[in-house]
Structure formats: structure tokens, C-alpha cells
Amino acid sequence: MNTAPGKPAAVLPREAMEPRPFVITKKRKEIEGIYTFWLEPPDGGEFHFAPGQFNMLYVLGAGEVPISISGDPGKPARLVHTVRAVGKATQRLCALKAGDSLGVRGPFGRAWPMARLEGKDILFVTSGLGLAPLRPSVYWLLNHRPKYGKATLIYGARNPERLLYVDELRKWRGRFDFKVELSVGSAGPTWDGHIGVVTSHIARQETEPGRTAALICSSERMMRAMVEQLNLAGLEDGDIHLSLERSMKCGLGLCGHCQLGPTFVCKDGPVYAYDQVAGLLSKREL
């Protein structure tokens, strides 16, 4: 299976259509309505993927949903997904507990172009649940740290209680080779970080046009604001990469649910260079 970052996985049709059983070995509540699951196959095999890809998770009696992989691609013995309960299938999924089983199809989609970005300074810019699809690319960079220049994570949430992976954020902030800048919309007196919109951090970064690349993931409205600030900071649209979320159903580009103009997000994305989709995303909520 080809899981080189920046390329779609070469999944055989039979493998792509048949869910593989996985057992939940651990479940953790991140914040209200959002849970992280650690999954392992009963046969003890490995699940290789590239940062930015997603799986179709099947819950018996509730259906199948596309969920970004949020674990470390360097640890294929365990699959990690962070899920928000918003519909019937995800609500049933989030109600599962350690020891329960579910089906997994994948991995699907185009990954973050980590290999092509070697040698560049990297800005990770995200908010809310957008950190989950972006987290594997952070793992990748930290696992291959000497291959990249300066690296910064800019992450925002409505308030400190809505930040994901707080223990890991604390660990990352303790590194000398990785800068983490957090921002919240409002906070109590114990918060000693920045209060304001996450995009306000972008203007303060030292960026070198042609040498700096940005990986962003958030709502489409927020990503348009992020792109605007990154352009002002000197980044061209081709140096900005984003992950899109659409109504994916099959994962193979057959059903048409995730069509975005001439592309299908499940197979041509979910990661795009911004210059590939700028004309489409400029039309609000297309």
C-alpha cells in the first residue's frame, strides 16, 4: 500500500469496500461531545497511513462516517480517531466503550505533502476540532525534525476548556525546536495566554516567501480568513495547504456526495493546495 505523504493511498477495491474489524482499546473524553478512540485489530496487525488521510468508520446499525485519522503515522500498531457526536452514526460511535468493536475502511484520500515540504519552515494553523486532522502532520514533522526548518503551531478555541489534547500541547510547548502559540476567544483570570482570534498570531510570525509553507484546517469561513492573513504575510496560494470536510459517503469518488466543482474531496482531497481550490472556496459555503 502506498502511503507516501502527499499521495493518495493505493487501496484495492475489495479492501476499500470491506470494513476491517477493530477493537476499541481505550476511549477518552476530550471535551463535551468529543471523544478520542484508540483502535487495534484483533489479529494484531498494523495499519499504515499517511498524515491527512481519513477512514470510513462503520457502526453496526447506525451506518458509516468519514473520520480523519488523528494518530501518529509512525506507530501503525494503533489507530487513533477523534470524533464529535453530531449525527446518528457519530452519536452511536461516541457511545461505544473500550472492548467494543467497529468496522474500518481505508485509508482514503490525499495526504499533507510532508515530503515535498522538507527544508521549509512550517506553520500549522488551526482552530477547534481542526487540530485532529492536522495532528498526524505534526507527529510526522517531529518524527523527522532535522528535515524541516522552523516549525510553529498556531491553535485557537472559543475558551481554554475547548482546547484539544491539552497534555500533548503542554509537552510540545516544552520543546526547544517547536513553537506553540495558543489563542482563545474568552477566558477566566487563570488563563495566561493570548485572548483573541487565532489569525492574529499569523502577522507576528517571521515568514520568508518561498521558504515558508502553511498547513491549515478549520471551518471554511475561518480558513478563508487564515489564507487572507497568510497572503499578507507573504505566502503564495501554492504554499498554503488545507484539509476540506465534505459529505463523504463512499470514500472512492463513486457516489458524488463530496463533489466540489470538478473534484471529489474523498479521492482528490481532502488535502489541497489552496491554489487548486481558491476559485471554489471564494464562493461562500459552495
Protein backbone atom coordinates (compact mmCIF):
# COMPACT_ATOMS: atom_id res chain seq x y z
CA MET A 1 0.00 0.00 0.00
CA ASN A 2 1.34 3.45 -0.99
CA THR A 3 1.06 5.84 1.93
CA ALA A 4 3.68 8.40 0.93
CA PRO A 5 2.62 11.80 2.33
CA GLY A 6 1.04 13.92 -0.41
CA LYS A 7 -0.22 10.99 -2.49
CA PRO A 8 -3.50 9.08 -2.36
CA ALA A 9 -3.28 5.59 -0.89
CA ALA A 10 -3.41 2.79 -3.45
CA VAL A 11 -6.23 0.78 -1.89
CA LEU A 12 -7.55 -2.25 -3.72
CA PRO A 13 -11.30 -2.00 -4.44
CA ARG A 14 -12.11 -5.12 -2.41
CA GLU A 15 -10.11 -3.86 0.55
CA ALA A 16 -11.72 -0.46 0.25
CA MET A 17 -15.26 -1.81 0.27
CA GLU A 18 -14.98 -4.36 3.09
CA PRO A 19 -14.75 -2.98 6.65
CA ARG A 20 -11.93 -4.46 8.69
CA PRO A 21 -12.87 -5.18 12.33
CA PHE A 22 -11.10 -3.17 15.03
CA VAL A 23 -11.46 -3.27 18.80
CA ILE A 24 -11.57 -0.13 20.94
CA THR A 25 -8.74 -0.46 23.45
CA LYS A 26 -9.10 2.99 25.02
CA LYS A 27 -11.58 5.87 24.99
CA ARG A 28 -11.00 9.38 26.34
CA LYS A 29 -13.37 12.30 26.60
CA GLU A 30 -11.59 15.38 25.27
CA ILE A 31 -14.36 17.92 25.81
CA GLU A 32 -18.14 17.72 25.88
CA GLY A 33 -19.31 15.76 22.84
CA ILE A 34 -15.81 14.96 21.54
CA TYR A 35 -14.01 11.67 22.24
CA THR A 36 -10.72 10.09 21.18
CA PHE A 37 -10.63 6.36 20.45
CA TRP A 38 -7.63 4.05 20.26
CA LEU A 39 -8.28 1.06 18.00
CA GLU A 40 -6.38 -2.16 17.36
CA PRO A 41 -7.13 -5.07 15.01
CA PRO A 42 -7.88 -8.39 16.73
CA ASP A 43 -5.21 -10.10 14.62
CA GLY A 44 -2.52 -7.77 15.96
CA GLY A 45 -1.64 -6.42 12.51
CA GLU A 46 -0.62 -2.91 11.56
CA PHE A 47 -2.50 -0.10 9.83
CA HIS A 48 -0.27 2.16 7.76
CA PHE A 49 -1.47 5.60 6.70
CA ALA A 50 -0.13 8.99 5.72
CA PRO A 51 -0.84 12.19 7.70
CA GLY A 52 -4.02 13.82 6.45
CA GLN A 53 -5.83 10.67 5.33
CA PHE A 54 -9.18 9.51 6.70
CA ASN A 55 -11.08 6.28 7.34
CA MET A 56 -14.69 5.27 6.95
CA LEU A 57 -15.82 4.01 10.37
CA TYR A 58 -18.77 1.63 10.41
CA VAL A 59 -21.02 1.28 13.47
CA LEU A 60 -23.40 -1.68 13.32
CA GLY A 61 -26.98 -0.49 12.93
CA ALA A 62 -26.03 3.18 12.65
CA GLY A 63 -24.08 3.46 9.40
CA GLU A 64 -20.69 4.65 8.25
CA VAL A 65 -18.97 8.02 8.64
CA PRO A 66 -15.71 9.55 7.35
CA ILE A 67 -13.35 10.46 10.20
CA SER A 68 -9.84 11.87 9.87
CA ILE A 69 -7.05 9.81 11.37
CA SER A 70 -5.57 11.75 14.28
CA GLY A 71 -2.81 9.43 15.49
CA ASP A 72 0.90 9.06 14.87
CA PRO A 73 1.72 7.59 11.41
CA GLY A 74 4.96 6.32 12.95
CA LYS A 75 3.00 3.98 15.24
CA PRO A 76 0.95 1.77 12.88
CA ALA A 77 0.07 -0.81 15.53
CA ARG A 78 -2.60 1.51 16.92
CA LEU A 79 -5.18 3.59 15.06
CA VAL A 80 -6.45 6.82 16.66
CA HIS A 81 -9.59 8.81 15.79
CA THR A 82 -11.11 11.86 17.46
CA VAL A 83 -14.86 12.04 16.90
CA ARG A 84 -17.52 14.68 17.55
CA ALA A 85 -21.05 13.45 18.18
CA VAL A 86 -23.20 15.40 15.73
CA GLY A 87 -25.44 12.86 13.96
CA LYS A 88 -26.91 9.39 14.44
CA ALA A 89 -23.78 7.47 13.41
CA THR A 90 -21.29 9.64 15.32
CA GLN A 91 -23.53 9.68 18.40
CA ARG A 92 -23.65 5.88 18.36
CA LEU A 93 -19.90 5.78 17.76
CA CYS A 94 -19.21 8.09 20.69
CA ALA A 95 -21.38 5.89 22.91
CA LEU A 96 -19.09 2.90 22.32
CA LYS A 97 -16.64 1.94 25.05
CA ALA A 98 -13.40 0.02 25.46
CA GLY A 99 -13.86 -3.57 24.34
CA ASP A 100 -16.48 -2.74 21.70
CA SER A 101 -15.82 -3.32 18.00
CA LEU A 102 -16.38 -1.30 14.85
CA GLY A 103 -15.51 -1.60 11.18
CA VAL A 104 -12.76 0.39 9.46
CA ARG A 105 -12.33 1.03 5.72
CA GLY A 106 -9.35 2.94 4.42
CA PRO A 107 -7.10 4.78 4.48
CA PHE A 108 -8.50 7.16 1.88
CA GLY A 109 -7.56 10.48 0.39
CA ARG A 110 -4.62 12.69 -0.42
CA ALA A 111 -2.25 13.41 2.46
CA TRP A 112 -0.42 16.50 3.63
CA PRO A 113 2.64 16.92 1.32
CA MET A 114 5.21 16.44 4.06
CA ALA A 115 7.93 15.00 1.85
CA ARG A 116 7.66 17.88 -0.64
CA LEU A 117 7.86 20.43 2.17
CA GLU A 118 11.19 19.18 3.52
CA GLY A 119 13.62 22.04 4.04
CA LYS A 120 10.87 24.62 4.54
CA ASP A 121 9.65 26.46 7.62
CA ILE A 122 6.22 25.12 8.53
CA LEU A 123 3.24 26.94 10.03
CA PHE A 124 0.41 24.75 11.33
CA VAL A 125 -2.69 26.95 11.73
CA THR A 126 -5.92 25.53 13.10
CA SER A 127 -8.84 26.00 15.46
CA GLY A 128 -11.28 23.81 17.35
CA LEU A 129 -11.56 20.23 16.12
CA GLY A 130 -9.33 21.13 13.15
CA LEU A 131 -6.33 20.08 15.20
CA ALA A 132 -7.37 16.41 14.89
CA PRO A 133 -6.78 16.09 11.10
CA LEU A 134 -3.64 18.23 11.42
CA ARG A 135 -2.09 16.35 14.35
CA PRO A 136 -0.59 13.47 12.27
CA SER A 137 1.38 16.03 10.23
CA VAL A 138 2.75 17.49 13.47
CA TYR A 139 3.78 13.99 14.54
CA TRP A 140 5.41 13.47 11.15
CA LEU A 141 7.42 16.67 11.39
CA LEU A 142 8.55 15.96 14.95
CA ASN A 143 9.49 12.38 13.99
CA HIS A 144 11.63 13.79 11.13
CA ARG A 145 12.57 17.08 12.79
CA PRO A 146 16.01 17.62 11.14
CA LYS A 147 14.40 17.64 7.68
CA TYR A 148 12.44 20.85 8.30
CA GLY A 149 13.19 24.43 9.22
CA LYS A 150 11.37 26.42 11.87
CA ALA A 151 8.04 24.94 12.95
CA THR A 152 5.13 26.67 14.67
CA LEU A 153 1.66 25.51 15.69
CA ILE A 154 -0.96 28.26 15.95
CA TYR A 155 -4.10 26.87 17.57
CA GLY A 156 -7.25 28.58 18.77
CA ALA A 157 -10.50 27.72 20.54
CA ARG A 158 -13.52 29.53 21.99
CA ASN A 159 -12.16 29.16 25.53
CA PRO A 160 -9.42 27.16 27.31
CA GLU A 161 -11.86 24.35 28.11
CA ARG A 162 -12.38 23.77 24.36
CA LEU A 163 -8.71 23.10 23.57
CA LEU A 164 -7.98 19.53 22.46
CA TYR A 165 -5.07 17.33 23.57
CA VAL A 166 -4.04 19.66 26.40
CA ASP A 167 -1.42 17.30 27.82
CA GLU A 168 0.21 16.97 24.43
CA LEU A 169 0.08 20.72 23.83
CA ARG A 170 1.90 21.19 27.12
CA LYS A 171 4.53 18.66 26.05
CA TRP A 172 5.01 20.30 22.67
CA ARG A 173 5.35 23.73 24.28
CA GLY A 174 8.24 22.35 26.30
CA ARG A 175 10.28 21.59 23.20
CA PHE A 176 13.02 23.97 22.05
CA ASP A 177 12.53 23.11 18.38
CA PHE A 178 8.77 23.60 18.10
CA LYS A 179 6.82 26.76 18.92
CA VAL A 180 3.18 26.54 20.09
CA GLU A 181 1.01 29.66 20.16
CA LEU A 182 -2.44 29.27 21.71
CA SER A 183 -5.35 31.67 21.46
CA VAL A 184 -8.85 31.68 22.95
CA GLY A 185 -11.84 33.92 22.40
CA SER A 186 -12.55 34.36 26.11
CA ALA A 187 -11.05 33.12 29.36
CA GLY A 188 -11.07 33.49 33.12
CA PRO A 189 -8.34 35.04 35.27
CA THR A 190 -6.25 31.84 35.40
CA TRP A 191 -5.58 31.90 31.63
CA ASP A 192 -2.18 33.45 30.95
CA GLY A 193 -2.22 33.06 27.17
CA HIS A 194 -3.44 35.18 24.28
CA ILE A 195 -7.09 36.23 24.06
CA GLY A 196 -8.30 37.00 20.54
CA VAL A 197 -8.82 35.41 17.14
CA VAL A 198 -6.35 32.74 16.10
CA THR A 199 -5.47 34.60 12.88
CA SER A 200 -3.93 37.45 14.90
CA HIS A 201 -0.91 35.23 15.55
CA ILE A 202 -0.08 34.95 11.85
CA ALA A 203 1.06 38.55 11.38
CA ARG A 204 3.58 38.12 14.20
CA GLN A 205 5.38 35.22 12.53
CA GLU A 206 8.69 35.65 10.74
CA THR A 207 7.92 34.27 7.30
CA GLU A 208 10.19 34.07 4.30
CA PRO A 209 8.30 33.91 0.97
CA GLY A 210 9.23 30.78 -0.93
CA ARG A 211 10.66 29.14 2.17
CA THR A 212 7.58 29.08 4.40
CA ALA A 213 4.60 26.74 3.94
CA ALA A 214 1.35 26.65 5.89
CA LEU A 215 -0.92 23.72 6.73
CA ILE A 216 -4.37 24.86 7.83
CA CYS A 217 -7.56 23.15 8.96
CA SER A 218 -10.72 24.74 10.31
CA SER A 219 -14.17 25.73 9.07
CA GLU A 220 -14.20 27.05 5.51
CA ARG A 221 -15.09 30.54 6.77
CA MET A 222 -12.14 30.53 9.17
CA MET A 223 -9.76 29.09 6.56
CA ARG A 224 -10.61 31.95 4.21
CA ALA A 225 -9.56 34.35 6.99
CA MET A 226 -6.40 32.32 7.61
CA VAL A 227 -5.48 32.40 3.92
CA GLU A 228 -6.01 36.16 3.79
CA GLN A 229 -3.58 36.69 6.68
CA LEU A 230 -1.06 34.22 5.28
CA ASN A 231 -1.14 36.04 1.94
CA LEU A 232 -0.47 39.31 3.79
CA ALA A 233 2.47 37.57 5.46
CA GLY A 234 3.94 36.84 2.04
CA LEU A 235 2.81 33.26 1.36
CA GLU A 236 1.58 32.43 -2.13
CA ASP A 237 -1.57 30.33 -2.54
CA GLY A 238 0.54 27.36 -3.68
CA ASP A 239 2.42 27.42 -0.35
CA ILE A 240 -0.82 27.07 1.63
CA HIS A 241 -2.34 23.61 2.08
CA LEU A 242 -5.73 22.92 3.60
CA SER A 243 -7.93 19.97 4.51
CA LEU A 244 -11.57 20.12 3.45
CA GLU A 245 -14.54 18.43 5.04
CA ARG A 246 -17.42 17.43 2.79
CA SER A 247 -20.33 14.99 2.93
CA MET A 248 -18.36 11.87 2.00
CA LYS A 249 -20.22 8.58 1.71
CA CYS A 250 -18.23 6.02 -0.28
CA GLY A 251 -14.59 7.17 0.04
CA LEU A 252 -13.93 6.21 -3.58
CA GLY A 253 -15.36 9.09 -5.61
CA LEU A 254 -18.26 6.97 -6.89
CA CYS A 255 -21.34 8.37 -5.13
CA GLY A 256 -20.76 12.07 -5.83
CA HIS A 257 -21.76 13.31 -2.38
CA CYS A 258 -18.48 15.13 -1.82
CA GLN A 259 -18.16 16.75 -5.24
CA LEU A 260 -16.57 20.20 -5.12
CA GLY A 261 -16.60 21.69 -8.60
CA PRO A 262 -14.59 19.30 -10.80
CA THR A 263 -13.07 17.40 -7.86
CA PHE A 264 -14.22 14.79 -5.36
CA VAL A 265 -12.92 15.55 -1.89
CA CYS A 266 -12.70 11.88 -0.86
CA LYS A 267 -10.20 10.95 -3.60
CA ASP A 268 -8.76 14.25 -4.90
CA GLY A 269 -8.56 15.63 -1.33
CA PRO A 270 -9.16 16.06 1.48
CA VAL A 271 -5.84 17.93 1.34
CA TYR A 272 -5.44 20.51 -1.43
CA ALA A 273 -3.02 23.28 -2.20
CA TYR A 274 -5.06 26.45 -1.89
CA ASP A 275 -4.38 27.50 -5.48
CA GLN A 276 -6.23 24.35 -6.59
CA VAL A 277 -9.48 25.35 -4.89
CA ALA A 278 -9.24 29.12 -4.37
CA GLY A 279 -11.85 29.87 -7.01
CA LEU A 280 -14.29 27.43 -5.42
CA LEU A 281 -13.79 28.38 -1.79
CA SER A 282 -14.19 32.07 -2.61
CA LYS A 283 -17.87 31.23 -3.16
CA ARG A 284 -19.19 31.05 0.39
CA GLU A 285 -20.28 27.60 1.52
CA LEU A 286 -20.42 26.22 -2.04
